[in-house]
Protein backbone atom coordinates (compact mmCIF):
# COMPACT_ATOMS: atom_id res chain seq x y z
CA MET A 1 2.29 23.67 -36.58
CA ARG A 2 4.20 22.57 -39.84
CA TRP A 3 7.23 24.92 -38.98
CA SER A 4 7.30 23.14 -35.81
CA LEU A 5 7.12 19.95 -37.28
CA ARG A 6 9.92 20.94 -39.50
CA LEU A 7 12.03 22.24 -36.60
CA ALA A 8 11.79 18.90 -34.77
CA ALA A 9 12.61 17.13 -37.62
CA ALA A 10 15.75 19.13 -37.94
CA MET A 11 16.58 19.03 -34.57
CA MET A 12 16.39 15.22 -34.59
CA ALA A 13 18.66 15.27 -38.14
CA LEU A 14 21.25 17.14 -36.24
CA ALA A 15 20.95 15.09 -32.86
CA VAL A 16 21.69 11.53 -34.97
CA GLY A 17 24.30 13.31 -37.04
CA ALA A 18 22.00 13.29 -40.62
CA VAL A 19 22.73 17.09 -41.10
CA SER A 20 25.59 17.10 -43.73
CA ALA A 21 29.02 18.19 -42.97
CA HIS A 22 28.70 21.02 -45.40
CA ALA A 23 25.60 22.49 -44.02
CA GLN A 24 27.39 22.25 -40.26
CA SER A 25 30.40 24.23 -42.13
CA ALA A 26 27.89 26.87 -43.75
CA GLY A 27 25.77 27.13 -40.85
CA THR A 28 22.78 26.86 -42.08
CA THR A 29 20.40 24.42 -43.43
CA HIS A 30 17.21 24.14 -44.83
CA VAL A 31 13.87 22.99 -43.16
CA GLY A 32 11.33 22.45 -45.42
CA ALA A 33 11.28 26.06 -47.97
CA LYS A 34 13.02 27.93 -45.05
CA LYS A 35 16.84 28.33 -44.32
CA VAL A 36 17.75 27.79 -40.75
CA SER A 37 20.80 28.69 -38.66
CA VAL A 38 22.36 25.31 -37.72
CA ALA A 39 23.25 26.81 -34.33
CA LYS A 40 19.98 27.55 -33.64
CA ILE A 41 18.87 24.21 -34.44
CA SER A 42 21.79 22.66 -32.00
CA THR A 43 20.80 25.48 -29.14
CA LYS A 44 16.96 23.92 -29.61
CA VAL A 45 18.49 20.26 -29.17
CA THR A 46 20.47 21.15 -26.50
CA GLN A 47 17.48 23.01 -24.71
CA THR A 48 15.09 20.28 -25.23
CA THR A 49 17.61 17.34 -24.42
CA SER A 50 18.20 19.49 -21.10
CA THR A 51 14.36 19.62 -20.28
CA ARG A 52 13.97 16.10 -20.79
CA VAL A 53 17.24 15.07 -18.47
CA THR A 54 15.80 17.28 -16.02
CA GLN A 55 12.34 15.74 -16.31
CA THR A 56 13.87 12.43 -15.81
CA ALA A 57 15.84 13.13 -12.53
CA THR A 58 12.71 14.85 -10.81
CA LYS A 59 10.67 11.62 -11.71
CA ARG A 60 13.79 9.61 -10.28
CA LYS A 61 14.03 12.06 -7.22
CA VAL A 62 10.04 11.64 -6.63
CA ALA A 63 10.21 7.42 -7.01
CA SER A 64 13.19 7.26 -4.64
CA ARG A 65 11.52 9.25 -2.25
CA THR A 66 8.51 7.01 -1.97
CA THR A 67 10.44 4.00 -2.28
CA LYS A 68 12.41 5.44 0.50
CA ALA A 69 9.27 6.09 2.58
CA ARG A 70 7.69 2.67 2.00
CA THR A 71 11.06 1.10 3.03
CA GLN A 72 11.18 2.80 6.18
CA SER A 73 7.72 2.22 7.13
CA ALA A 74 8.14 -1.32 6.50
CA ARG A 75 10.76 -1.38 8.54
CA ARG A 76 9.07 0.39 11.47
CA GLY A 77 6.42 -2.17 11.61
CA SER A 78 8.39 -5.23 10.26
CA SER A 79 8.92 -5.95 14.12
CA THR A 80 6.33 -6.60 16.60
CA ARG A 81 5.85 -4.03 19.20
CA MET A 82 3.34 -3.43 22.13
CA VAL A 83 1.69 -0.28 22.01
CA ARG A 84 -0.43 0.77 25.14
CA PRO A 85 -2.02 -2.13 26.44
CA THR A 86 -6.11 -1.57 26.37
CA MET A 87 -7.93 -2.36 29.55
CA GLN A 88 -10.58 -5.05 30.02
CA SER A 89 -14.12 -4.46 32.10
CA ASP A 90 -12.17 -7.26 34.60
CA GLY A 91 -8.98 -4.96 35.02
CA THR A 92 -6.95 -7.03 32.97
CA ALA A 93 -4.67 -5.48 30.08
CA VAL A 94 -5.16 -6.92 26.50
CA ALA A 95 -1.93 -6.40 24.16
CA ALA A 96 -2.54 -3.65 21.17
CA TRP A 97 -0.30 -4.55 18.05
CA SER A 98 1.46 -1.58 16.40
CA SER A 99 0.55 -1.17 12.47
CA GLY A 100 2.35 -3.25 10.02
CA ALA A 101 3.38 -5.75 12.86
CA SER A 102 3.92 -9.53 12.00
CA MET A 103 3.04 -12.18 14.58
CA GLY A 104 5.18 -15.27 13.97
CA SER A 105 4.16 -17.33 10.74
CA VAL A 106 1.18 -15.59 9.97
CA GLY A 107 2.51 -12.80 7.66
CA PRO A 108 2.50 -9.23 7.87
CA ARG A 109 -0.60 -7.74 9.31
CA PRO A 110 -3.39 -6.20 6.57
CA ARG A 111 -4.87 -2.97 6.91
CA ARG A 112 -8.18 -4.94 8.15
CA TRP A 113 -6.58 -7.12 10.52
CA CYS A 114 -9.40 -8.96 12.95
CA GLY A 115 -9.16 -11.95 10.55
CA TRP A 116 -5.59 -11.77 10.65
CA TRP A 117 -5.47 -11.40 14.37
CA MET A 118 -7.79 -14.33 14.89
CA ARG A 119 -5.28 -16.30 12.71
CA THR A 120 -2.85 -15.82 15.64
CA GLN A 121 -5.19 -17.44 17.97
CA ARG A 122 -6.42 -20.13 15.99
CA GLY A 123 -3.76 -20.91 13.27
CA GLY A 124 -5.12 -20.96 9.60
CA GLY A 125 -3.88 -20.04 6.29
CA PRO A 126 -3.84 -16.50 4.72
CA GLU A 127 -7.36 -16.69 3.18
CA LEU A 128 -8.78 -16.36 6.94
CA ASN A 129 -7.14 -12.65 6.94
CA VAL A 130 -10.90 -12.09 5.31
CA ALA A 131 -13.52 -11.83 8.54
CA TRP A 132 -16.38 -13.85 6.49
CA ASN A 133 -13.99 -16.62 5.79
CA TRP A 134 -13.91 -17.70 9.17
CA SER A 135 -17.53 -18.86 8.84
CA LYS A 136 -16.46 -21.74 7.01
CA TRP A 137 -13.93 -22.68 9.77
CA GLY A 138 -14.27 -25.55 11.90
CA ARG A 139 -18.09 -26.41 12.55
CA PRO A 140 -20.96 -24.80 13.75
CA THR A 141 -22.21 -24.41 16.99
CA THR A 142 -24.28 -21.80 19.49
CA ALA A 143 -22.77 -18.87 21.31
CA GLN A 144 -20.59 -20.31 23.71
CA VAL A 145 -17.23 -19.32 25.72
CA GLY A 146 -14.59 -20.20 23.23
CA ALA A 147 -16.68 -19.96 20.19
CA VAL A 148 -15.36 -17.83 17.28
CA VAL A 149 -18.12 -15.38 16.40
CA VAL A 150 -18.20 -14.24 12.98
CA TRP A 151 -20.13 -11.08 11.40
CA ARG A 152 -19.70 -10.16 7.59
CA HIS A 153 -16.58 -7.61 8.38
CA HIS A 154 -15.55 -8.53 11.30
CA VAL A 155 -14.50 -11.78 13.54
CA GLY A 156 -13.73 -12.50 17.13
CA GLU A 157 -13.74 -14.63 19.81
CA ILE A 158 -16.41 -15.24 22.81
CA VAL A 159 -14.32 -15.09 26.19
CA GLY A 160 -17.29 -14.63 28.39
CA GLN A 161 -20.53 -13.06 29.93
CA ASN A 162 -20.29 -9.99 32.00
CA ASP A 163 -23.12 -9.54 35.00
CA ARG A 164 -25.78 -8.21 32.33
CA GLY A 165 -25.49 -11.77 30.64
CA GLN A 166 -24.02 -9.80 27.25
CA TRP A 167 -21.48 -12.25 25.63
CA LEU A 168 -17.76 -10.54 25.53
CA VAL A 169 -15.98 -10.77 22.76
CA ARG A 170 -12.03 -10.43 22.08
CA SER A 171 -11.20 -9.23 18.95
CA GLY A 172 -8.36 -7.83 17.02
CA ASN A 173 -8.86 -4.46 15.05
CA ASP A 174 -11.84 -3.33 17.44
CA GLY A 175 -10.75 0.25 17.14
CA GLY A 176 -7.74 -0.15 16.30
CA ALA A 177 -6.67 -2.60 18.96
CA VAL A 178 -7.16 -5.81 20.47
CA ARG A 179 -10.29 -5.45 22.76
CA THR A 180 -12.23 -7.20 24.95
CA ARG A 181 -15.91 -6.13 24.93
CA PRO A 182 -19.88 -7.10 24.88
CA TRP A 183 -21.29 -6.97 21.38
CA ASN A 184 -24.59 -7.46 20.03
CA LEU A 185 -24.28 -10.92 18.32
CA ARG A 186 -27.56 -10.35 16.27
CA GLY A 187 -26.69 -12.24 12.93
CA ALA A 188 -23.62 -13.41 13.98
CA VAL A 189 -22.31 -16.84 13.04
CA PHE A 190 -20.78 -19.28 15.45
CA ARG A 191 -17.88 -21.68 14.97
CA ILE A 192 -15.91 -24.21 16.83
């Protein structure tokens, strides 16, 4: 171990020009008690430097690819684009928005986007991207058409009742799309 440390010190000395001109012209220098060829040290310095340059270049390439992929992904999702519309039970279509879409002034769509979608319908700040924060929006009410219905991890709006008396809730990020379907309202909070 000591020998490799001494060799490393000699390599550093050669790299910064601290090895005397006499030692360079003689072709040898002393590393501790051992006599070492300056050519060997020079070769080792070159190899070490070359390895570091290669490692740095590889890291830069990986970082560049990652940045490029993120940029391309952001570009693809930066415009609002329709995906296949979802059909409601009454035969009307509901728009589904692509990943990363941005609608007007509500900002880019987050990964969990039901609260974000409600902001496109009702307004509000970025704190309403979190579903449960809708439980503090507006004023309390009971289940009725037009009410915002809030669960711990989801939010939607009541748009009607089906023929069996179940409340129909339209919400974003319901199976990855905006959908209208009957929901169990047990444990939900209603706001208007």
